Amino acid sequence: MPTSDPGTAYARWDVVVVPFPYADRLAEKRRPALVISNSRLAALGLVWVAMITSAENKGWDCDVDMVDPAATGLTALSVVRPAKIACIDTSRILRRIGSLDVATADAVGTALDAFLS
């Protein structure tokens, strides 16, 4: 599986493509994900990512709409699902495709805080 350049830096709110693990079985699916961790974790060669899925799959009350597909690099309307996060080694990131706008990033941050506080 191709991986990113080990020198590539990823920032919070970058949209990336990763092999994202399923929560209910030992398997993974290549999909877009949102980097939600900061540079402190990246310095260890890791990132926390939240799952991104098609807006057609929306249905969880914590889902956050991604309103600007062009900026995110996605081809379809999508949602961030903050209830599903994974810790990924940065070498497993296939590529960066975009980034999140400020308003959506704030909404994702609020949704994450609801699970962590």
PDB file of N, CA and C in Angstrom:
ATOM      1  N   MET A   1       0.845  -1.168   0.000  1.00  0.00           N
ATOM      2  CA  MET A   1       0.000   0.000   0.000  1.00  0.00           C
ATOM      3  C   MET A   1       0.892   1.233   0.000  1.00  0.00           C
ATOM      4  N   PRO A   2       0.662   2.184  -0.927  1.00  0.00           N
ATOM      5  CA  PRO A   2       1.479   3.383  -0.937  1.00  0.00           C
ATOM      6  C   PRO A   2       1.226   4.203   0.325  1.00  0.00           C
ATOM      7  N   THR A   3       2.267   4.847   0.779  1.00  0.00           N
ATOM      8  CA  THR A   3       2.140   5.676   1.971  1.00  0.00           C
ATOM      9  C   THR A   3       2.688   7.052   1.677  1.00  0.00           C
ATOM     10  N   SER A   4       2.406   7.972   2.591  1.00  0.00           N
ATOM     11  CA  SER A   4       2.867   9.334   2.397  1.00  0.00           C
ATOM     12  C   SER A   4       4.363   9.437   2.643  1.00  0.00           C
ATOM     13  N   ASP A   5       4.936  10.517   2.169  1.00  0.00           N
ATOM     14  CA  ASP A   5       6.338  10.832   2.438  1.00  0.00           C
ATOM     15  C   ASP A   5       6.505  11.024   3.936  1.00  0.00           C
ATOM     16  N   PRO A   6       7.469  10.354   4.564  1.00  0.00           N
ATOM     17  CA  PRO A   6       7.620  10.451   6.011  1.00  0.00           C
ATOM     18  C   PRO A   6       7.881  11.873   6.494  1.00  0.00           C
ATOM     19  N   GLY A   7       8.340  12.759   5.615  1.00  0.00           N
ATOM     20  CA  GLY A   7       8.591  14.140   6.015  1.00  0.00           C
ATOM     21  C   GLY A   7       7.372  15.038   5.915  1.00  0.00           C
ATOM     22  N   THR A   8       6.266  14.509   5.399  1.00  0.00           N
ATOM     23  CA  THR A   8       5.064  15.313   5.233  1.00  0.00           C
ATOM     24  C   THR A   8       4.451  15.638   6.584  1.00  0.00           C
ATOM     25  N   ALA A   9       4.121  16.912   6.777  1.00  0.00           N
ATOM     26  CA  ALA A   9       3.476  17.335   8.023  1.00  0.00           C
ATOM     27  C   ALA A   9       1.976  17.463   7.783  1.00  0.00           C
ATOM     28  N   TYR A  10       1.206  16.994   8.731  1.00  0.00           N
ATOM     29  CA  TYR A  10      -0.247  17.097   8.653  1.00  0.00           C
ATOM     30  C   TYR A  10      -0.718  17.976   9.795  1.00  0.00           C
ATOM     31  N   ALA A  11      -1.669  18.848   9.496  1.00  0.00           N
ATOM     32  CA  ALA A  11      -2.154  19.808  10.481  1.00  0.00           C
ATOM     33  C   ALA A  11      -3.584  19.477  10.883  1.00  0.00           C
ATOM     34  N   ARG A  12      -3.959  19.962  12.064  1.00  0.00           N
ATOM     35  CA  ARG A  12      -5.338  19.801  12.514  1.00  0.00           C
ATOM     36  C   ARG A  12      -6.255  20.406  11.460  1.00  0.00           C
ATOM     37  N   TRP A  13      -7.321  19.703  11.162  1.00  0.00           N
ATOM     38  CA  TRP A  13      -8.368  20.048  10.199  1.00  0.00           C
ATOM     39  C   TRP A  13      -7.984  19.741   8.754  1.00  0.00           C
ATOM     40  N   ASP A  14      -6.859  19.061   8.518  1.00  0.00           N
ATOM     41  CA  ASP A  14      -6.567  18.559   7.176  1.00  0.00           C
ATOM     42  C   ASP A  14      -7.509  17.396   6.873  1.00  0.00           C
ATOM     43  N   VAL A  15      -7.953  17.318   5.631  1.00  0.00           N
ATOM     44  CA  VAL A  15      -8.720  16.163   5.164  1.00  0.00           C
ATOM     45  C   VAL A  15      -7.727  15.257   4.442  1.00  0.00           C
ATOM     46  N   VAL A  16      -7.666  14.002   4.879  1.00  0.00           N
ATOM     47  CA  VAL A  16      -6.692  13.044   4.352  1.00  0.00           C
ATOM     48  C   VAL A  16      -7.411  11.761   3.944  1.00  0.00           C
ATOM     49  N   VAL A  17      -6.718  10.936   3.191  1.00  0.00           N
ATOM     50  CA  VAL A  17      -7.230   9.606   2.842  1.00  0.00           C
ATOM     51  C   VAL A  17      -6.382   8.594   3.604  1.00  0.00           C
ATOM     52  N   VAL A  18      -7.062   7.701   4.335  1.00  0.00           N
ATOM     53  CA  VAL A  18      -6.375   6.722   5.188  1.00  0.00           C
ATOM     54  C   VAL A  18      -7.096   5.373   5.132  1.00  0.00           C
ATOM     55  N   PRO A  19      -6.408   4.304   5.521  1.00  0.00           N
ATOM     56  CA  PRO A  19      -7.104   3.042   5.771  1.00  0.00           C
ATOM     57  C   PRO A  19      -7.751   3.151   7.158  1.00  0.00           C
ATOM     58  N   PHE A  20      -9.048   3.423   7.202  1.00  0.00           N
ATOM     59  CA  PHE A  20      -9.741   3.685   8.468  1.00  0.00           C
ATOM     60  C   PHE A  20     -10.292   2.374   9.022  1.00  0.00           C
ATOM     61  N   PRO A  21     -10.013   2.070  10.290  1.00  0.00           N
ATOM     62  CA  PRO A  21     -10.477   0.797  10.863  1.00  0.00           C
ATOM     63  C   PRO A  21     -11.976   0.800  11.145  1.00  0.00           C
ATOM     64  N   TYR A  22     -12.601  -0.342  10.939  1.00  0.00           N
ATOM     65  CA  TYR A  22     -13.989  -0.521  11.358  1.00  0.00           C
ATOM     66  C   TYR A  22     -14.021  -0.624  12.876  1.00  0.00           C
ATOM     67  N   ALA A  23     -15.107  -0.208  13.482  1.00  0.00           N
ATOM     68  CA  ALA A  23     -15.243  -0.287  14.942  1.00  0.00           C
ATOM     69  C   ALA A  23     -15.665  -1.682  15.394  1.00  0.00           C
ATOM     70  N   ASP A  24     -16.319  -2.439  14.505  1.00  0.00           N
ATOM     71  CA  ASP A  24     -16.917  -3.705  14.933  1.00  0.00           C
ATOM     72  C   ASP A  24     -16.219  -4.962  14.404  1.00  0.00           C
ATOM     73  N   ARG A  25     -15.106  -4.792  13.695  1.00  0.00           N
ATOM     74  CA  ARG A  25     -14.376  -5.965  13.203  1.00  0.00           C
ATOM     75  C   ARG A  25     -12.945  -5.564  12.847  1.00  0.00           C
ATOM     76  N   LEU A  26     -12.085  -6.567  12.712  1.00  0.00           N
ATOM     77  CA  LEU A  26     -10.681  -6.313  12.399  1.00  0.00           C
ATOM     78  C   LEU A  26     -10.504  -6.185  10.893  1.00  0.00           C
ATOM     79  N   ALA A  27     -10.884  -5.032  10.392  1.00  0.00           N
ATOM     80  CA  ALA A  27     -10.756  -4.728   8.974  1.00  0.00           C
ATOM     81  C   ALA A  27     -10.685  -3.215   8.846  1.00  0.00           C
ATOM     82  N   GLU A  28     -10.318  -2.754   7.666  1.00  0.00           N
ATOM     83  CA  GLU A  28     -10.265  -1.317   7.439  1.00  0.00           C
ATOM     84  C   GLU A  28     -10.696  -1.024   6.012  1.00  0.00           C
ATOM     85  N   LYS A  29     -11.072   0.239   5.802  1.00  0.00           N
ATOM     86  CA  LYS A  29     -11.541   0.681   4.498  1.00  0.00           C
ATOM     87  C   LYS A  29     -10.848   1.993   4.167  1.00  0.00           C
ATOM     88  N   ARG A  30     -10.361   2.106   2.945  1.00  0.00           N
ATOM     89  CA  ARG A  30      -9.751   3.367   2.522  1.00  0.00           C
ATOM     90  C   ARG A  30     -10.850   4.412   2.379  1.00  0.00           C
ATOM     91  N   ARG A  31     -10.682   5.529   3.116  1.00  0.00           N
ATOM     92  CA  ARG A  31     -11.725   6.548   3.113  1.00  0.00           C
ATOM     93  C   ARG A  31     -11.137   7.883   3.536  1.00  0.00           C
ATOM     94  N   PRO A  32     -11.860   8.966   3.290  1.00  0.00           N
ATOM     95  CA  PRO A  32     -11.399  10.257   3.798  1.00  0.00           C
ATOM     96  C   PRO A  32     -11.597  10.330   5.307  1.00  0.00           C
ATOM     97  N   ALA A  33     -10.734  11.094   5.942  1.00  0.00           N
ATOM     98  CA  ALA A  33     -10.818  11.297   7.386  1.00  0.00           C
ATOM     99  C   ALA A  33     -10.308  12.699   7.695  1.00  0.00           C
ATOM    100  N   LEU A  34     -10.679  13.189   8.858  1.00  0.00           N
ATOM    101  CA  LEU A  34     -10.295  14.531   9.280  1.00  0.00           C
ATOM    102  C   LEU A  34      -9.265  14.440  10.396  1.00  0.00           C
ATOM    103  N   VAL A  35      -8.119  15.085  10.220  1.00  0.00           N
ATOM    104  CA  VAL A  35      -7.113  15.135  11.285  1.00  0.00           C
ATOM    105  C   VAL A  35      -7.659  16.030  12.397  1.00  0.00           C
ATOM    106  N   ILE A  36      -7.773  15.470  13.610  1.00  0.00           N
ATOM    107  CA  ILE A  36      -8.324  16.234  14.734  1.00  0.00           C
ATOM    108  C   ILE A  36      -7.288  16.488  15.824  1.00  0.00           C
ATOM    109  N   SER A  37      -6.105  15.913  15.688  1.00  0.00           N
ATOM    110  CA  SER A  37      -5.055  16.118  16.696  1.00  0.00           C
ATOM    111  C   SER A  37      -4.152  17.273  16.271  1.00  0.00           C
ATOM    112  N   ASN A  38      -3.297  17.693  17.201  1.00  0.00           N
ATOM    113  CA  ASN A  38      -2.421  18.829  16.934  1.00  0.00           C
ATOM    114  C   ASN A  38      -0.984  18.378  16.663  1.00  0.00           C
ATOM    115  N   SER A  39      -0.094  19.348  16.546  1.00  0.00           N
ATOM    116  CA  SER A  39       1.294  19.056  16.189  1.00  0.00           C
ATOM    117  C   SER A  39       2.037  18.278  17.274  1.00  0.00           C
ATOM    118  N   ARG A  40       1.586  18.342  18.507  1.00  0.00           N
ATOM    119  CA  ARG A  40       2.262  17.604  19.584  1.00  0.00           C
ATOM    120  C   ARG A  40       2.206  16.093  19.319  1.00  0.00           C
ATOM    121  N   LEU A  41       1.052  15.608  18.895  1.00  0.00           N
ATOM    122  CA  LEU A  41       0.928  14.189  18.568  1.00  0.00           C
ATOM    123  C   LEU A  41       1.654  13.877  17.259  1.00  0.00           C
ATOM    124  N   ALA A  42       1.579  14.805  16.307  1.00  0.00           N
ATOM    125  CA  ALA A  42       2.253  14.602  15.018  1.00  0.00           C
ATOM    126  C   ALA A  42       3.759  14.445  15.202  1.00  0.00           C
ATOM    127  N   ALA A  43       4.313  15.099  16.212  1.00  0.00           N
ATOM    128  CA  ALA A  43       5.750  14.978  16.491  1.00  0.00           C
ATOM    129  C   ALA A  43       6.127  13.544  16.865  1.00  0.00           C
ATOM    130  N   LEU A  44       5.143  12.773  17.312  1.00  0.00           N
ATOM    131  CA  LEU A  44       5.364  11.361  17.641  1.00  0.00           C
ATOM    132  C   LEU A  44       5.111  10.442  16.444  1.00  0.00           C
ATOM    133  N   GLY A  45       4.749  11.047  15.301  1.00  0.00           N
ATOM    134  CA  GLY A  45       4.475  10.258  14.106  1.00  0.00           C
ATOM    135  C   GLY A  45       3.069   9.694  14.064  1.00  0.00           C
ATOM    136  N   LEU A  46       2.159  10.291  14.856  1.00  0.00           N
ATOM    137  CA  LEU A  46       0.774   9.819  14.936  1.00  0.00           C
ATOM    138  C   LEU A  46      -0.194  10.964  14.696  1.00  0.00           C
ATOM    139  N   VAL A  47      -1.391  10.621  14.245  1.00  0.00           N
ATOM    140  CA  VAL A  47      -2.498  11.579  14.183  1.00  0.00           C
ATOM    141  C   VAL A  47      -3.767  10.881  14.646  1.00  0.00           C
ATOM    142  N   TRP A  48      -4.647  11.645  15.244  1.00  0.00           N
ATOM    143  CA  TRP A  48      -6.006  11.176  15.516  1.00  0.00           C
ATOM    144  C   TRP A  48      -6.856  11.682  14.374  1.00  0.00           C
ATOM    145  N   VAL A  49      -7.680  10.805  13.829  1.00  0.00           N
ATOM    146  CA  VAL A  49      -8.553  11.187  12.723  1.00  0.00           C
ATOM    147  C   VAL A  49      -9.994  10.808  13.041  1.00  0.00           C
ATOM    148  N   ALA A  50     -10.908  11.635  12.560  1.00  0.00           N
ATOM    149  CA  ALA A  50     -12.337  11.350  12.665  1.00  0.00           C
ATOM    150  C   ALA A  50     -12.831  10.898  11.299  1.00  0.00           C
ATOM    151  N   MET A  51     -13.751   9.966  11.312  1.00  0.00           N
ATOM    152  CA  MET A  51     -14.300   9.407  10.083  1.00  0.00           C
ATOM    153  C   MET A  51     -15.091  10.462   9.313  1.00  0.00           C
ATOM    154  N   ILE A  52     -14.964  10.428   7.998  1.00  0.00           N
ATOM    155  CA  ILE A  52     -15.810  11.212   7.099  1.00  0.00           C
ATOM    156  C   ILE A  52     -16.612  10.217   6.285  1.00  0.00           C
ATOM    157  N   THR A  53     -17.907  10.466   6.165  1.00  0.00           N
ATOM    158  CA  THR A  53     -18.772   9.579   5.393  1.00  0.00           C
ATOM    159  C   THR A  53     -19.710  10.418   4.534  1.00  0.00           C
ATOM    160  N   SER A  54     -20.350   9.786   3.584  1.00  0.00           N
ATOM    161  CA  SER A  54     -21.290  10.471   2.700  1.00  0.00           C
ATOM    162  C   SER A  54     -22.440  11.068   3.497  1.00  0.00           C
ATOM    163  N   ALA A  55     -22.907  12.232   3.073  1.00  0.00           N
ATOM    164  CA  ALA A  55     -24.054  12.863   3.731  1.00  0.00           C
ATOM    165  C   ALA A  55     -25.284  11.968   3.648  1.00  0.00           C
ATOM    166  N   GLU A  56     -25.312  11.062   2.669  1.00  0.00           N
ATOM    167  CA  GLU A  56     -26.425  10.114   2.562  1.00  0.00           C
ATOM    168  C   GLU A  56     -26.481   9.192   3.772  1.00  0.00           C
ATOM    169  N   ASN A  57     -25.337   8.995   4.439  1.00  0.00           N
ATOM    170  CA  ASN A  57     -25.274   8.132   5.619  1.00  0.00           C
ATOM    171  C   ASN A  57     -25.535   8.889   6.915  1.00  0.00           C
ATOM    172  N   LYS A  58     -25.860  10.179   6.795  1.00  0.00           N
ATOM    173  CA  LYS A  58     -26.080  10.988   7.995  1.00  0.00           C
ATOM    174  C   LYS A  58     -27.213  10.371   8.807  1.00  0.00           C
ATOM    175  N   GLY A  59     -27.086  10.456  10.085  1.00  0.00           N
ATOM    176  CA  GLY A  59     -28.120   9.887  10.924  1.00  0.00           C
ATOM    177  C   GLY A  59     -27.736   9.920  12.386  1.00  0.00           C
ATOM    178  N   TRP A  60     -26.478  10.212  12.678  1.00  0.00           N
ATOM    179  CA  TRP A  60     -26.043  10.307  14.061  1.00  0.00           C
ATOM    180  C   TRP A  60     -26.178  11.764  14.489  1.00  0.00           C
ATOM    181  N   ASP A  61     -26.683  11.984  15.693  1.00  0.00           N
ATOM    182  CA  ASP A  61     -26.916  13.370  16.118  1.00  0.00           C
ATOM    183  C   ASP A  61     -25.627  14.170  16.275  1.00  0.00           C
ATOM    184  N   CYS A  62     -24.490  13.514  16.327  1.00  0.00           N
ATOM    185  CA  CYS A  62     -23.208  14.218  16.452  1.00  0.00           C
ATOM    186  C   CYS A  62     -22.574  14.533  15.098  1.00  0.00           C
ATOM    187  N   ASP A  63     -23.131  14.025  13.998  1.00  0.00           N
ATOM    188  CA  ASP A  63     -22.559  14.270  12.674  1.00  0.00           C
ATOM    189  C   ASP A  63     -22.516  15.766  12.378  1.00  0.00           C
ATOM    190  N   VAL A  64     -21.443  16.202  11.722  1.00  0.00           N
ATOM    191  CA  VAL A  64     -21.272  17.608  11.359  1.00  0.00           C
ATOM    192  C   VAL A  64     -21.191  17.700   9.840  1.00  0.00           C
ATOM    193  N   ASP A  65     -22.091  18.493   9.254  1.00  0.00           N
ATOM    194  CA  ASP A  65     -22.100  18.681   7.807  1.00  0.00           C
ATOM    195  C   ASP A  65     -20.834  19.394   7.342  1.00  0.00           C
ATOM    196  N   MET A  66     -20.267  18.929   6.247  1.00  0.00           N
ATOM    197  CA  MET A  66     -19.137  19.600   5.599  1.00  0.00           C
ATOM    198  C   MET A  66     -19.727  20.395   4.443  1.00  0.00           C
ATOM    199  N   VAL A  67     -19.744  21.714   4.581  1.00  0.00           N
ATOM    200  CA  VAL A  67     -20.508  22.550   3.662  1.00  0.00           C
ATOM    201  C   VAL A  67     -19.747  22.984   2.413  1.00  0.00           C
ATOM    202  N   ASP A  68     -18.442  22.793   2.366  1.00  0.00           N
ATOM    203  CA  ASP A  68     -17.650  23.254   1.227  1.00  0.00           C
ATOM    204  C   ASP A  68     -16.825  22.109   0.639  1.00  0.00           C
ATOM    205  N   PRO A  69     -17.464  21.241  -0.175  1.00  0.00           N
ATOM    206  CA  PRO A  69     -16.741  20.082  -0.712  1.00  0.00           C
ATOM    207  C   PRO A  69     -15.492  20.461  -1.510  1.00  0.00           C
ATOM    208  N   ALA A  70     -15.514  21.591  -2.200  1.00  0.00           N
ATOM    209  CA  ALA A  70     -14.356  21.979  -3.011  1.00  0.00           C
ATOM    210  C   ALA A  70     -13.116  22.192  -2.150  1.00  0.00           C
ATOM    211  N   ALA A  71     -13.261  22.860  -1.014  1.00  0.00           N
ATOM    212  CA  ALA A  71     -12.113  23.127  -0.134  1.00  0.00           C
ATOM    213  C   ALA A  71     -11.610  21.851   0.531  1.00  0.00           C
ATOM    214  N   THR A  72     -12.524  20.914   0.782  1.00  0.00           N
ATOM    215  CA  THR A  72     -12.132  19.685   1.472  1.00  0.00           C
ATOM    216  C   THR A  72     -11.503  18.668   0.534  1.00  0.00           C
ATOM    217  N   GLY A  73     -11.682  18.858  -0.773  1.00  0.00           N
ATOM    218  CA  GLY A  73     -11.151  17.899  -1.733  1.00  0.00           C
ATOM    219  C   GLY A  73     -12.076  16.724  -1.970  1.00  0.00           C
ATOM    220  N   LEU A  74     -13.262  16.777  -1.393  1.00  0.00           N
ATOM    221  CA  LEU A  74     -14.229  15.686  -1.547  1.00  0.00           C
ATOM    222  C   LEU A  74     -15.102  15.935  -2.767  1.00  0.00           C
ATOM    223  N   THR A  75     -15.603  14.882  -3.361  1.00  0.00           N
ATOM    224  CA  THR A  75     -16.413  15.017  -4.570  1.00  0.00           C
ATOM    225  C   THR A  75     -17.905  14.974  -4.289  1.00  0.00           C
ATOM    226  N   ALA A  76     -18.284  14.656  -3.061  1.00  0.00           N
ATOM    227  CA  ALA A  76     -19.701  14.558  -2.704  1.00  0.00           C
ATOM    228  C   ALA A  76     -19.926  15.222  -1.352  1.00  0.00           C
ATOM    229  N   LEU A  77     -21.168  15.623  -1.108  1.00  0.00           N
ATOM    230  CA  LEU A  77     -21.502  16.169   0.202  1.00  0.00           C
ATOM    231  C   LEU A  77     -21.237  15.105   1.255  1.00  0.00           C
ATOM    232  N   SER A  78     -20.589  15.515   2.334  1.00  0.00           N
ATOM    233  CA  SER A  78     -20.142  14.562   3.351  1.00  0.00           C
ATOM    234  C   SER A  78     -20.369  15.115   4.741  1.00  0.00           C
ATOM    235  N   VAL A  79     -20.211  14.238   5.729  1.00  0.00           N
ATOM    236  CA  VAL A  79     -20.290  14.632   7.132  1.00  0.00           C
ATOM    237  C   VAL A  79     -19.079  14.075   7.870  1.00  0.00           C
ATOM    238  N   VAL A  80     -18.664  14.804   8.908  1.00  0.00           N
ATOM    239  CA  VAL A  80     -17.660  14.288   9.833  1.00  0.00           C
ATOM    240  C   VAL A  80     -18.423  13.561  10.924  1.00  0.00           C
ATOM    241  N   ARG A  81     -17.969  12.373  11.284  1.00  0.00           N
ATOM    242  CA  ARG A  81     -18.602  11.585  12.341  1.00  0.00           C
ATOM    243  C   ARG A  81     -17.641  11.537  13.541  1.00  0.00           C
ATOM    244  N   PRO A  82     -17.724  12.540  14.450  1.00  0.00           N
ATOM    245  CA  PRO A  82     -16.779  12.627  15.566  1.00  0.00           C
ATOM    246  C   PRO A  82     -16.856  11.470  16.553  1.00  0.00           C
ATOM    247  N   ALA A  83     -17.907  10.677  16.501  1.00  0.00           N
ATOM    248  CA  ALA A  83     -18.010   9.522  17.396  1.00  0.00           C
ATOM    249  C   ALA A  83     -17.065   8.401  16.977  1.00  0.00           C
ATOM    250  N   LYS A  84     -16.568   8.451  15.743  1.00  0.00           N
ATOM    251  CA  LYS A  84     -15.662   7.408  15.251  1.00  0.00           C
ATOM    252  C   LYS A  84     -14.305   8.030  14.967  1.00  0.00           C
ATOM    253  N   ILE A  85     -13.360   7.795  15.889  1.00  0.00           N
ATOM    254  CA  ILE A  85     -12.008   8.306  15.709  1.00  0.00           C
ATOM    255  C   ILE A  85     -11.021   7.142  15.746  1.00  0.00           C
ATOM    256  N   ALA A  86      -9.859   7.376  15.155  1.00  0.00           N
ATOM    257  CA  ALA A  86      -8.802   6.363  15.137  1.00  0.00           C
ATOM    258  C   ALA A  86      -7.459   7.052  15.304  1.00  0.00           C
ATOM    259  N   CYS A  87      -6.504   6.305  15.825  1.00  0.00           N
ATOM    260  CA  CYS A  87      -5.118   6.760  15.915  1.00  0.00           C
ATOM    261  C   CYS A  87      -4.363   6.087  14.771  1.00  0.00           C
ATOM    262  N   ILE A  88      -3.780   6.895  13.893  1.00  0.00           N
ATOM    263  CA  ILE A  88      -3.129   6.389  12.686  1.00  0.00           C
ATOM    264  C   ILE A  88      -1.674   6.852  12.663  1.00  0.00           C
ATOM    265  N   ASP A  89      -0.767   5.959  12.347  1.00  0.00           N
ATOM    266  CA  ASP A  89       0.618   6.353  12.113  1.00  0.00           C
ATOM    267  C   ASP A  89       0.643   7.219  10.854  1.00  0.00           C
ATOM    268  N   THR A  90       1.371   8.324  10.888  1.00  0.00           N
ATOM    269  CA  THR A  90       1.363   9.234   9.736  1.00  0.00           C
ATOM    270  C   THR A  90       1.864   8.564   8.460  1.00  0.00           C
ATOM    271  N   SER A  91       2.658   7.516   8.573  1.00  0.00           N
ATOM    272  CA  SER A  91       3.132   6.817   7.376  1.00  0.00           C
ATOM    273  C   SER A  91       2.001   6.093   6.652  1.00  0.00           C
ATOM    274  N   ARG A  92       0.855   5.922   7.319  1.00  0.00           N
ATOM    275  CA  ARG A  92      -0.278   5.227   6.694  1.00  0.00           C
ATOM    276  C   ARG A  92      -1.221   6.187   5.968  1.00  0.00           C
ATOM    277  N   ILE A  93      -0.977   7.481   6.112  1.00  0.00           N
ATOM    278  CA  ILE A  93      -1.797   8.452   5.386  1.00  0.00           C
ATOM    279  C   ILE A  93      -1.426   8.363   3.913  1.00  0.00           C
ATOM    280  N   LEU A  94      -2.419   8.150   3.074  1.00  0.00           N
ATOM    281  CA  LEU A  94      -2.169   7.992   1.645  1.00  0.00           C
ATOM    282  C   LEU A  94      -1.938   9.336   0.969  1.00  0.00           C
ATOM    283  N   ARG A  95      -2.725  10.349   1.357  1.00  0.00           N
ATOM    284  CA  ARG A  95      -2.537  11.695   0.807  1.00  0.00           C
ATOM    285  C   ARG A  95      -3.433  12.692   1.533  1.00  0.00           C
ATOM    286  N   ARG A  96      -3.060  13.948   1.428  1.00  0.00           N
ATOM    287  CA  ARG A  96      -3.878  15.057   1.915  1.00  0.00           C
ATOM    288  C   ARG A  96      -4.684  15.548   0.723  1.00  0.00           C
ATOM    289  N   ILE A  97      -6.000  15.757   0.921  1.00  0.00           N
ATOM    290  CA  ILE A  97      -6.823  16.190  -0.207  1.00  0.00           C
ATOM    291  C   ILE A  97      -7.441  17.567  -0.007  1.00  0.00           C
ATOM    292  N   GLY A  98      -7.396  18.115   1.204  1.00  0.00           N
ATOM    293  CA  GLY A  98      -7.983  19.428   1.437  1.00  0.00           C
ATOM    294  C   GLY A  98      -7.947  19.790   2.900  1.00  0.00           C
ATOM    295  N   SER A  99      -8.764  20.771   3.253  1.00  0.00           N
ATOM    296  CA  SER A  99      -8.848  21.181   4.654  1.00  0.00           C
ATOM    297  C   SER A  99     -10.246  21.708   4.941  1.00  0.00           C
ATOM    298  N   LEU A 100     -10.542  21.827   6.221  1.00  0.00           N
ATOM    299  CA  LEU A 100     -11.869  22.234   6.680  1.00  0.00           C
ATOM    300  C   LEU A 100     -11.939  23.744   6.844  1.00  0.00           C
ATOM    301  N   ASP A 101     -13.094  24.324   6.544  1.00  0.00           N
ATOM    302  CA  ASP A 101     -13.304  25.745   6.789  1.00  0.00           C
ATOM    303  C   ASP A 101     -13.450  25.988   8.295  1.00  0.00           C
ATOM    304  N   VAL A 102     -13.267  27.230   8.713  1.00  0.00           N
ATOM    305  CA  VAL A 102     -13.236  27.575  10.137  1.00  0.00           C
ATOM    306  C   VAL A 102     -14.552  27.243  10.838  1.00  0.00           C
ATOM    307  N   ALA A 103     -15.682  27.575  10.231  1.00  0.00           N
ATOM    308  CA  ALA A 103     -16.979  27.336  10.884  1.00  0.00           C
ATOM    309  C   ALA A 103     -17.219  25.842  11.110  1.00  0.00           C
ATOM    310  N   THR A 104     -16.908  25.024  10.111  1.00  0.00           N
ATOM    311  CA  THR A 104     -17.101  23.584  10.265  1.00  0.00           C
ATOM    312  C   THR A 104     -16.112  23.015  11.277  1.00  0.00           C
ATOM    313  N   ALA A 105     -14.876  23.517  11.270  1.00  0.00           N
ATOM    314  CA  ALA A 105     -13.887  23.074  12.257  1.00  0.00           C
ATOM    315  C   ALA A 105     -14.371  23.381  13.673  1.00  0.00           C
ATOM    316  N   ASP A 106     -14.952  24.559  13.876  1.00  0.00           N
ATOM    317  CA  ASP A 106     -15.492  24.909  15.197  1.00  0.00           C
ATOM    318  C   ASP A 106     -16.602  23.944  15.607  1.00  0.00           C
ATOM    319  N   ALA A 107     -17.469  23.594  14.656  1.00  0.00           N
ATOM    320  CA  ALA A 107     -18.569  22.671  14.953  1.00  0.00           C
ATOM    321  C   ALA A 107     -18.040  21.278  15.297  1.00  0.00           C
ATOM    322  N   VAL A 108     -17.017  20.824  14.584  1.00  0.00           N
ATOM    323  CA  VAL A 108     -16.415  19.519  14.891  1.00  0.00           C
ATOM    324  C   VAL A 108     -15.762  19.565  16.270  1.00  0.00           C
ATOM    325  N   GLY A 109     -15.056  20.652  16.574  1.00  0.00           N
ATOM    326  CA  GLY A 109     -14.434  20.799  17.886  1.00  0.00           C
ATOM    327  C   GLY A 109     -15.448  20.736  19.009  1.00  0.00           C
ATOM    328  N   THR A 110     -16.587  21.382  18.825  1.00  0.00           N
ATOM    329  CA  THR A 110     -17.659  21.347  19.825  1.00  0.00           C
ATOM    330  C   THR A 110     -18.201  19.930  19.986  1.00  0.00           C
ATOM    331  N   ALA A 111     -18.393  19.234  18.871  1.00  0.00           N
ATOM    332  CA  ALA A 111     -18.894  17.855  18.929  1.00  0.00           C
ATOM    333  C   ALA A 111     -17.898  16.941  19.640  1.00  0.00           C
ATOM    334  N   LEU A 112     -16.614  17.122  19.381  1.00  0.00           N
ATOM    335  CA  LEU A 112     -15.592  16.319  20.062  1.00  0.00           C
ATOM    336  C   LEU A 112     -15.574  16.617  21.557  1.00  0.00           C
ATOM    337  N   ASP A 113     -15.677  17.893  21.913  1.00  0.00           N
ATOM    338  CA  ASP A 113     -15.695  18.281  23.333  1.00  0.00           C
ATOM    339  C   ASP A 113     -16.835  17.604  24.082  1.00  0.00           C
ATOM    340  N   ALA A 114     -17.967  17.420  23.408  1.00  0.00           N
ATOM    341  CA  ALA A 114     -19.120  16.780  24.053  1.00  0.00           C
ATOM    342  C   ALA A 114     -18.800  15.341  24.465  1.00  0.00           C
ATOM    343  N   PHE A 115     -17.893  14.686  23.738  1.00  0.00           N
ATOM    344  CA  PHE A 115     -17.500  13.319  24.081  1.00  0.00           C
ATOM    345  C   PHE A 115     -16.365  13.271  25.100  1.00  0.00           C
ATOM    346  N   LEU A 116     -15.608  14.349  25.213  1.00  0.00           N
ATOM    347  CA  LEU A 116     -14.395  14.327  26.030  1.00  0.00           C
ATOM    348  C   LEU A 116     -14.499  15.067  27.353  1.00  0.00           C
ATOM    349  N   SER A 117     -15.572  15.804  27.553  1.00  0.00           N
ATOM    350  CA  SER A 117     -15.655  16.566  28.809  1.00  0.00           C
ATOM    351  C   SER A 117     -16.819  16.111  29.662  1.00  0.00           C
TER     352      SER A 117
END
